[in-house]
Amino acid sequence: MRVATAFPSAAHQKRLLALLAHPPEEAARLLLGTVIVPRRGRDVSAARIVETEAYLGEDDPSAHAFRGRT
């Protein structure tokens, strides 16, 4: 199980950036199942990523950028 916190350590940030450097469809697949654990003071929550979307840039008709700048 992968865990990401709201304020990740330098090591977590490095791993997250490495993951997001993959092509979008691969990064989306890798994010599935990751548990995000935001902490605010003593309050802790957790959520598992169960759905992702991947857009392939300006040439992807389903991407917001497809129609240009808005």
PDB file of N, CA and C in Angstrom:
ATOM      1  N   MET A   1       0.848  -1.168   0.000  1.00  0.00           N
ATOM      2  CA  MET A   1       0.000   0.000   0.000  1.00  0.00           C
ATOM      3  C   MET A   1       0.897   1.236   0.000  1.00  0.00           C
ATOM      4  N   ARG A   2       0.632   2.164  -0.925  1.00  0.00           N
ATOM      5  CA  ARG A   2       1.353   3.434  -0.973  1.00  0.00           C
ATOM      6  C   ARG A   2       0.594   4.449  -0.136  1.00  0.00           C
ATOM      7  N   VAL A   3       1.328   5.270   0.612  1.00  0.00           N
ATOM      8  CA  VAL A   3       0.711   6.294   1.450  1.00  0.00           C
ATOM      9  C   VAL A   3       1.325   7.640   1.106  1.00  0.00           C
ATOM     10  N   ALA A   4       0.487   8.633   0.888  1.00  0.00           N
ATOM     11  CA  ALA A   4       0.948  10.002   0.642  1.00  0.00           C
ATOM     12  C   ALA A   4       0.347  10.893   1.715  1.00  0.00           C
ATOM     13  N   THR A   5       1.148  11.757   2.306  1.00  0.00           N
ATOM     14  CA  THR A   5       0.638  12.665   3.329  1.00  0.00           C
ATOM     15  C   THR A   5       0.441  14.049   2.742  1.00  0.00           C
ATOM     16  N   ALA A   6      -0.352  14.879   3.414  1.00  0.00           N
ATOM     17  CA  ALA A   6      -0.627  16.225   2.923  1.00  0.00           C
ATOM     18  C   ALA A   6       0.639  17.074   2.911  1.00  0.00           C
ATOM     19  N   PHE A   7       1.529  16.868   3.846  1.00  0.00           N
ATOM     20  CA  PHE A   7       2.790  17.593   3.908  1.00  0.00           C
ATOM     21  C   PHE A   7       3.910  16.571   3.822  1.00  0.00           C
ATOM     22  N   PRO A   8       4.201  16.108   2.599  1.00  0.00           N
ATOM     23  CA  PRO A   8       5.169  15.010   2.465  1.00  0.00           C
ATOM     24  C   PRO A   8       6.588  15.433   2.813  1.00  0.00           C
ATOM     25  N   SER A   9       7.334  14.478   3.291  1.00  0.00           N
ATOM     26  CA  SER A   9       8.759  14.705   3.555  1.00  0.00           C
ATOM     27  C   SER A   9       9.470  14.862   2.216  1.00  0.00           C
ATOM     28  N   ALA A  10      10.716  15.253   2.259  1.00  0.00           N
ATOM     29  CA  ALA A  10      11.500  15.409   1.031  1.00  0.00           C
ATOM     30  C   ALA A  10      11.566  14.093   0.264  1.00  0.00           C
ATOM     31  N   ALA A  11      11.692  12.984   0.986  1.00  0.00           N
ATOM     32  CA  ALA A  11      11.753  11.668   0.335  1.00  0.00           C
ATOM     33  C   ALA A  11      10.423  11.342  -0.352  1.00  0.00           C
ATOM     34  N   HIS A  12       9.295  11.636   0.334  1.00  0.00           N
ATOM     35  CA  HIS A  12       7.981  11.400  -0.268  1.00  0.00           C
ATOM     36  C   HIS A  12       7.789  12.281  -1.491  1.00  0.00           C
ATOM     37  N   GLN A  13       8.208  13.539  -1.403  1.00  0.00           N
ATOM     38  CA  GLN A  13       8.075  14.442  -2.544  1.00  0.00           C
ATOM     39  C   GLN A  13       8.868  13.924  -3.740  1.00  0.00           C
ATOM     40  N   LYS A  14      10.060  13.435  -3.481  1.00  0.00           N
ATOM     41  CA  LYS A  14      10.914  12.912  -4.559  1.00  0.00           C
ATOM     42  C   LYS A  14      10.240  11.721  -5.231  1.00  0.00           C
ATOM     43  N   ARG A  15       9.668  10.801  -4.427  1.00  0.00           N
ATOM     44  CA  ARG A  15       8.981   9.637  -4.997  1.00  0.00           C
ATOM     45  C   ARG A  15       7.746  10.051  -5.789  1.00  0.00           C
ATOM     46  N   LEU A  16       6.995  11.033  -5.266  1.00  0.00           N
ATOM     47  CA  LEU A  16       5.792  11.501  -5.960  1.00  0.00           C
ATOM     48  C   LEU A  16       6.161  12.145  -7.292  1.00  0.00           C
ATOM     49  N   LEU A  17       7.193  12.981  -7.307  1.00  0.00           N
ATOM     50  CA  LEU A  17       7.614  13.614  -8.553  1.00  0.00           C
ATOM     51  C   LEU A  17       8.107  12.578  -9.560  1.00  0.00           C
ATOM     52  N   ALA A  18       8.794  11.548  -9.091  1.00  0.00           N
ATOM     53  CA  ALA A  18       9.243  10.481  -9.982  1.00  0.00           C
ATOM     54  C   ALA A  18       8.046   9.743 -10.574  1.00  0.00           C
ATOM     55  N   LEU A  19       7.028   9.505  -9.766  1.00  0.00           N
ATOM     56  CA  LEU A  19       5.817   8.834 -10.236  1.00  0.00           C
ATOM     57  C   LEU A  19       5.111   9.689 -11.283  1.00  0.00           C
ATOM     58  N   LEU A  20       5.008  10.997 -11.022  1.00  0.00           N
ATOM     59  CA  LEU A  20       4.292  11.880 -11.937  1.00  0.00           C
ATOM     60  C   LEU A  20       5.083  12.179 -13.203  1.00  0.00           C
ATOM     61  N   ALA A  21       6.347  11.802 -13.253  1.00  0.00           N
ATOM     62  CA  ALA A  21       7.158  11.993 -14.454  1.00  0.00           C
ATOM     63  C   ALA A  21       6.838  10.934 -15.512  1.00  0.00           C
ATOM     64  N   HIS A  22       6.106   9.886 -15.125  1.00  0.00           N
ATOM     65  CA  HIS A  22       5.700   8.845 -16.078  1.00  0.00           C
ATOM     66  C   HIS A  22       4.671   9.427 -17.047  1.00  0.00           C
ATOM     67  N   PRO A  23       4.463   8.778 -18.175  1.00  0.00           N
ATOM     68  CA  PRO A  23       3.377   9.202 -19.070  1.00  0.00           C
ATOM     69  C   PRO A  23       2.057   9.214 -18.291  1.00  0.00           C
ATOM     70  N   PRO A  24       1.124  10.118 -18.643  1.00  0.00           N
ATOM     71  CA  PRO A  24      -0.110  10.286 -17.860  1.00  0.00           C
ATOM     72  C   PRO A  24      -0.877   8.997 -17.596  1.00  0.00           C
ATOM     73  N   GLU A  25      -1.032   8.150 -18.623  1.00  0.00           N
ATOM     74  CA  GLU A  25      -1.830   6.931 -18.407  1.00  0.00           C
ATOM     75  C   GLU A  25      -1.140   5.979 -17.432  1.00  0.00           C
ATOM     76  N   GLU A  26       0.186   5.967 -17.417  1.00  0.00           N
ATOM     77  CA  GLU A  26       0.923   5.115 -16.477  1.00  0.00           C
ATOM     78  C   GLU A  26       0.882   5.709 -15.063  1.00  0.00           C
ATOM     79  N   ALA A  27       1.046   7.026 -14.957  1.00  0.00           N
ATOM     80  CA  ALA A  27       0.995   7.688 -13.644  1.00  0.00           C
ATOM     81  C   ALA A  27      -0.378   7.498 -13.007  1.00  0.00           C
ATOM     82  N   ALA A  28      -1.429   7.617 -13.808  1.00  0.00           N
ATOM     83  CA  ALA A  28      -2.785   7.428 -13.286  1.00  0.00           C
ATOM     84  C   ALA A  28      -2.950   6.017 -12.736  1.00  0.00           C
ATOM     85  N   ARG A  29      -2.427   5.028 -13.465  1.00  0.00           N
ATOM     86  CA  ARG A  29      -2.507   3.638 -13.020  1.00  0.00           C
ATOM     87  C   ARG A  29      -1.737   3.443 -11.711  1.00  0.00           C
ATOM     88  N   LEU A  30      -0.553   4.078 -11.621  1.00  0.00           N
ATOM     89  CA  LEU A  30       0.270   3.924 -10.417  1.00  0.00           C
ATOM     90  C   LEU A  30      -0.355   4.594  -9.200  1.00  0.00           C
ATOM     91  N   LEU A  31      -1.120   5.658  -9.418  1.00  0.00           N
ATOM     92  CA  LEU A  31      -1.774   6.360  -8.300  1.00  0.00           C
ATOM     93  C   LEU A  31      -2.927   5.558  -7.697  1.00  0.00           C
ATOM     94  N   LEU A  32      -3.535   4.689  -8.483  1.00  0.00           N
ATOM     95  CA  LEU A  32      -4.657   3.888  -7.971  1.00  0.00           C
ATOM     96  C   LEU A  32      -4.227   3.108  -6.732  1.00  0.00           C
ATOM     97  N   GLY A  33      -5.033   3.158  -5.712  1.00  0.00           N
ATOM     98  CA  GLY A  33      -4.737   2.433  -4.481  1.00  0.00           C
ATOM     99  C   GLY A  33      -3.915   3.223  -3.484  1.00  0.00           C
ATOM    100  N   THR A  34      -3.363   4.378  -3.896  1.00  0.00           N
ATOM    101  CA  THR A  34      -2.588   5.197  -2.962  1.00  0.00           C
ATOM    102  C   THR A  34      -3.511   5.746  -1.886  1.00  0.00           C
ATOM    103  N   VAL A  35      -3.058   5.731  -0.658  1.00  0.00           N
ATOM    104  CA  VAL A  35      -3.823   6.285   0.455  1.00  0.00           C
ATOM    105  C   VAL A  35      -3.248   7.665   0.783  1.00  0.00           C
ATOM    106  N   ILE A  36      -4.104   8.671   0.763  1.00  0.00           N
ATOM    107  CA  ILE A  36      -3.705  10.033   1.102  1.00  0.00           C
ATOM    108  C   ILE A  36      -4.114  10.280   2.549  1.00  0.00           C
ATOM    109  N   VAL A  37      -3.160  10.789   3.345  1.00  0.00           N
ATOM    110  CA  VAL A  37      -3.409  10.994   4.770  1.00  0.00           C
ATOM    111  C   VAL A  37      -3.122  12.450   5.134  1.00  0.00           C
ATOM    112  N   PRO A  38      -4.138  13.322   5.011  1.00  0.00           N
ATOM    113  CA  PRO A  38      -3.929  14.707   5.428  1.00  0.00           C
ATOM    114  C   PRO A  38      -4.010  14.830   6.949  1.00  0.00           C
ATOM    115  N   ARG A  39      -3.145  15.671   7.499  1.00  0.00           N
ATOM    116  CA  ARG A  39      -3.141  15.900   8.945  1.00  0.00           C
ATOM    117  C   ARG A  39      -3.300  17.378   9.203  1.00  0.00           C
ATOM    118  N   ARG A  40      -4.181  17.723  10.120  1.00  0.00           N
ATOM    119  CA  ARG A  40      -4.362  19.111  10.542  1.00  0.00           C
ATOM    120  C   ARG A  40      -4.396  19.095  12.068  1.00  0.00           C
ATOM    121  N   GLY A  41      -3.279  19.503  12.642  1.00  0.00           N
ATOM    122  CA  GLY A  41      -3.170  19.419  14.097  1.00  0.00           C
ATOM    123  C   GLY A  41      -3.231  17.973  14.527  1.00  0.00           C
ATOM    124  N   ARG A  42      -4.168  17.670  15.417  1.00  0.00           N
ATOM    125  CA  ARG A  42      -4.337  16.285  15.880  1.00  0.00           C
ATOM    126  C   ARG A  42      -5.317  15.490  15.032  1.00  0.00           C
ATOM    127  N   ASP A  43      -6.007  16.176  14.129  1.00  0.00           N
ATOM    128  CA  ASP A  43      -6.983  15.498  13.268  1.00  0.00           C
ATOM    129  C   ASP A  43      -6.276  14.811  12.104  1.00  0.00           C
ATOM    130  N   VAL A  44      -6.623  13.567  11.895  1.00  0.00           N
ATOM    131  CA  VAL A  44      -6.046  12.778  10.806  1.00  0.00           C
ATOM    132  C   VAL A  44      -7.192  12.134  10.031  1.00  0.00           C
ATOM    133  N   SER A  45      -7.119  12.230   8.712  1.00  0.00           N
ATOM    134  CA  SER A  45      -8.093  11.582   7.840  1.00  0.00           C
ATOM    135  C   SER A  45      -7.328  10.689   6.875  1.00  0.00           C
ATOM    136  N   ALA A  46      -8.030   9.838   6.192  1.00  0.00           N
ATOM    137  CA  ALA A  46      -7.385   8.999   5.186  1.00  0.00           C
ATOM    138  C   ALA A  46      -8.373   8.739   4.062  1.00  0.00           C
ATOM    139  N   ALA A  47      -7.850   8.724   2.840  1.00  0.00           N
ATOM    140  CA  ALA A  47      -8.678   8.424   1.669  1.00  0.00           C
ATOM    141  C   ALA A  47      -7.839   7.640   0.669  1.00  0.00           C
ATOM    142  N   ARG A  48      -8.428   6.634   0.082  1.00  0.00           N
ATOM    143  CA  ARG A  48      -7.748   5.826  -0.930  1.00  0.00           C
ATOM    144  C   ARG A  48      -8.185   6.314  -2.311  1.00  0.00           C
ATOM    145  N   ILE A  49      -7.236   6.486  -3.217  1.00  0.00           N
ATOM    146  CA  ILE A  49      -7.550   6.870  -4.592  1.00  0.00           C
ATOM    147  C   ILE A  49      -8.099   5.636  -5.302  1.00  0.00           C
ATOM    148  N   VAL A  50      -9.365   5.715  -5.721  1.00  0.00           N
ATOM    149  CA  VAL A  50     -10.024   4.565  -6.350  1.00  0.00           C
ATOM    150  C   VAL A  50     -10.368   4.830  -7.807  1.00  0.00           C
ATOM    151  N   GLU A  51     -10.160   6.062  -8.264  1.00  0.00           N
ATOM    152  CA  GLU A  51     -10.471   6.389  -9.651  1.00  0.00           C
ATOM    153  C   GLU A  51      -9.529   7.498 -10.104  1.00  0.00           C
ATOM    154  N   THR A  52      -9.016   7.398 -11.312  1.00  0.00           N
ATOM    155  CA  THR A  52      -8.162   8.439 -11.873  1.00  0.00           C
ATOM    156  C   THR A  52      -8.558   8.689 -13.317  1.00  0.00           C
ATOM    157  N   GLU A  53      -8.117   9.813 -13.839  1.00  0.00           N
ATOM    158  CA  GLU A  53      -8.281  10.129 -15.255  1.00  0.00           C
ATOM    159  C   GLU A  53      -6.929  10.572 -15.775  1.00  0.00           C
ATOM    160  N   ALA A  54      -6.645  10.278 -17.014  1.00  0.00           N
ATOM    161  CA  ALA A  54      -5.374  10.680 -17.620  1.00  0.00           C
ATOM    162  C   ALA A  54      -5.658  11.348 -18.957  1.00  0.00           C
ATOM    163  N   TYR A  55      -5.153  12.563 -19.109  1.00  0.00           N
ATOM    164  CA  TYR A  55      -5.300  13.298 -20.360  1.00  0.00           C
ATOM    165  C   TYR A  55      -3.936  13.372 -21.022  1.00  0.00           C
ATOM    166  N   LEU A  56      -3.920  13.246 -22.323  1.00  0.00           N
ATOM    167  CA  LEU A  56      -2.666  13.129 -23.055  1.00  0.00           C
ATOM    168  C   LEU A  56      -2.220  14.442 -23.689  1.00  0.00           C
ATOM    169  N   GLY A  57      -2.656  15.564 -23.140  1.00  0.00           N
ATOM    170  CA  GLY A  57      -2.209  16.867 -23.609  1.00  0.00           C
ATOM    171  C   GLY A  57      -3.177  17.529 -24.561  1.00  0.00           C
ATOM    172  N   GLU A  58      -2.685  18.548 -25.253  1.00  0.00           N
ATOM    173  CA  GLU A  58      -3.527  19.377 -26.114  1.00  0.00           C
ATOM    174  C   GLU A  58      -4.115  18.634 -27.306  1.00  0.00           C
ATOM    175  N   ASP A  59      -3.550  17.490 -27.676  1.00  0.00           N
ATOM    176  CA  ASP A  59      -4.072  16.724 -28.805  1.00  0.00           C
ATOM    177  C   ASP A  59      -5.148  15.724 -28.400  1.00  0.00           C
ATOM    178  N   ASP A  60      -5.434  15.619 -27.102  1.00  0.00           N
ATOM    179  CA  ASP A  60      -6.437  14.689 -26.587  1.00  0.00           C
ATOM    180  C   ASP A  60      -7.784  15.417 -26.541  1.00  0.00           C
ATOM    181  N   PRO A  61      -8.777  15.011 -27.363  1.00  0.00           N
ATOM    182  CA  PRO A  61     -10.069  15.704 -27.403  1.00  0.00           C
ATOM    183  C   PRO A  61     -10.788  15.756 -26.054  1.00  0.00           C
ATOM    184  N   SER A  62     -10.473  14.864 -25.138  1.00  0.00           N
ATOM    185  CA  SER A  62     -11.141  14.882 -23.837  1.00  0.00           C
ATOM    186  C   SER A  62     -10.447  15.811 -22.834  1.00  0.00           C
ATOM    187  N   ALA A  63      -9.290  16.354 -23.197  1.00  0.00           N
ATOM    188  CA  ALA A  63      -8.546  17.244 -22.298  1.00  0.00           C
ATOM    189  C   ALA A  63      -9.105  18.664 -22.368  1.00  0.00           C
ATOM    190  N   HIS A  64      -9.069  19.363 -21.252  1.00  0.00           N
ATOM    191  CA  HIS A  64      -9.548  20.743 -21.210  1.00  0.00           C
ATOM    192  C   HIS A  64      -8.719  21.640 -22.135  1.00  0.00           C
ATOM    193  N   ALA A  65      -7.466  21.310 -22.347  1.00  0.00           N
ATOM    194  CA  ALA A  65      -6.570  22.126 -23.171  1.00  0.00           C
ATOM    195  C   ALA A  65      -6.786  21.932 -24.669  1.00  0.00           C
ATOM    196  N   PHE A  66      -7.634  21.000 -25.060  1.00  0.00           N
ATOM    197  CA  PHE A  66      -7.814  20.659 -26.466  1.00  0.00           C
ATOM    198  C   PHE A  66      -8.274  21.855 -27.297  1.00  0.00           C
ATOM    199  N   ARG A  67      -9.135  22.690 -26.744  1.00  0.00           N
ATOM    200  CA  ARG A  67      -9.670  23.828 -27.490  1.00  0.00           C
ATOM    201  C   ARG A  67      -8.814  25.083 -27.357  1.00  0.00           C
ATOM    202  N   GLY A  68      -7.648  24.957 -26.745  1.00  0.00           N
ATOM    203  CA  GLY A  68      -6.749  26.101 -26.584  1.00  0.00           C
ATOM    204  C   GLY A  68      -7.012  26.844 -25.287  1.00  0.00           C
ATOM    205  N   ARG A  69      -6.344  27.962 -25.140  1.00  0.00           N
ATOM    206  CA  ARG A  69      -6.486  28.768 -23.917  1.00  0.00           C
ATOM    207  C   ARG A  69      -7.899  29.309 -23.786  1.00  0.00           C
ATOM    208  N   THR A  70      -8.394  29.309 -22.574  1.00  0.00           N
ATOM    209  CA  THR A  70      -9.730  29.887 -22.307  1.00  0.00           C
ATOM    210  C   THR A  70      -9.608  30.904 -21.199  1.00  0.00           C
TER     211      THR A  70
END
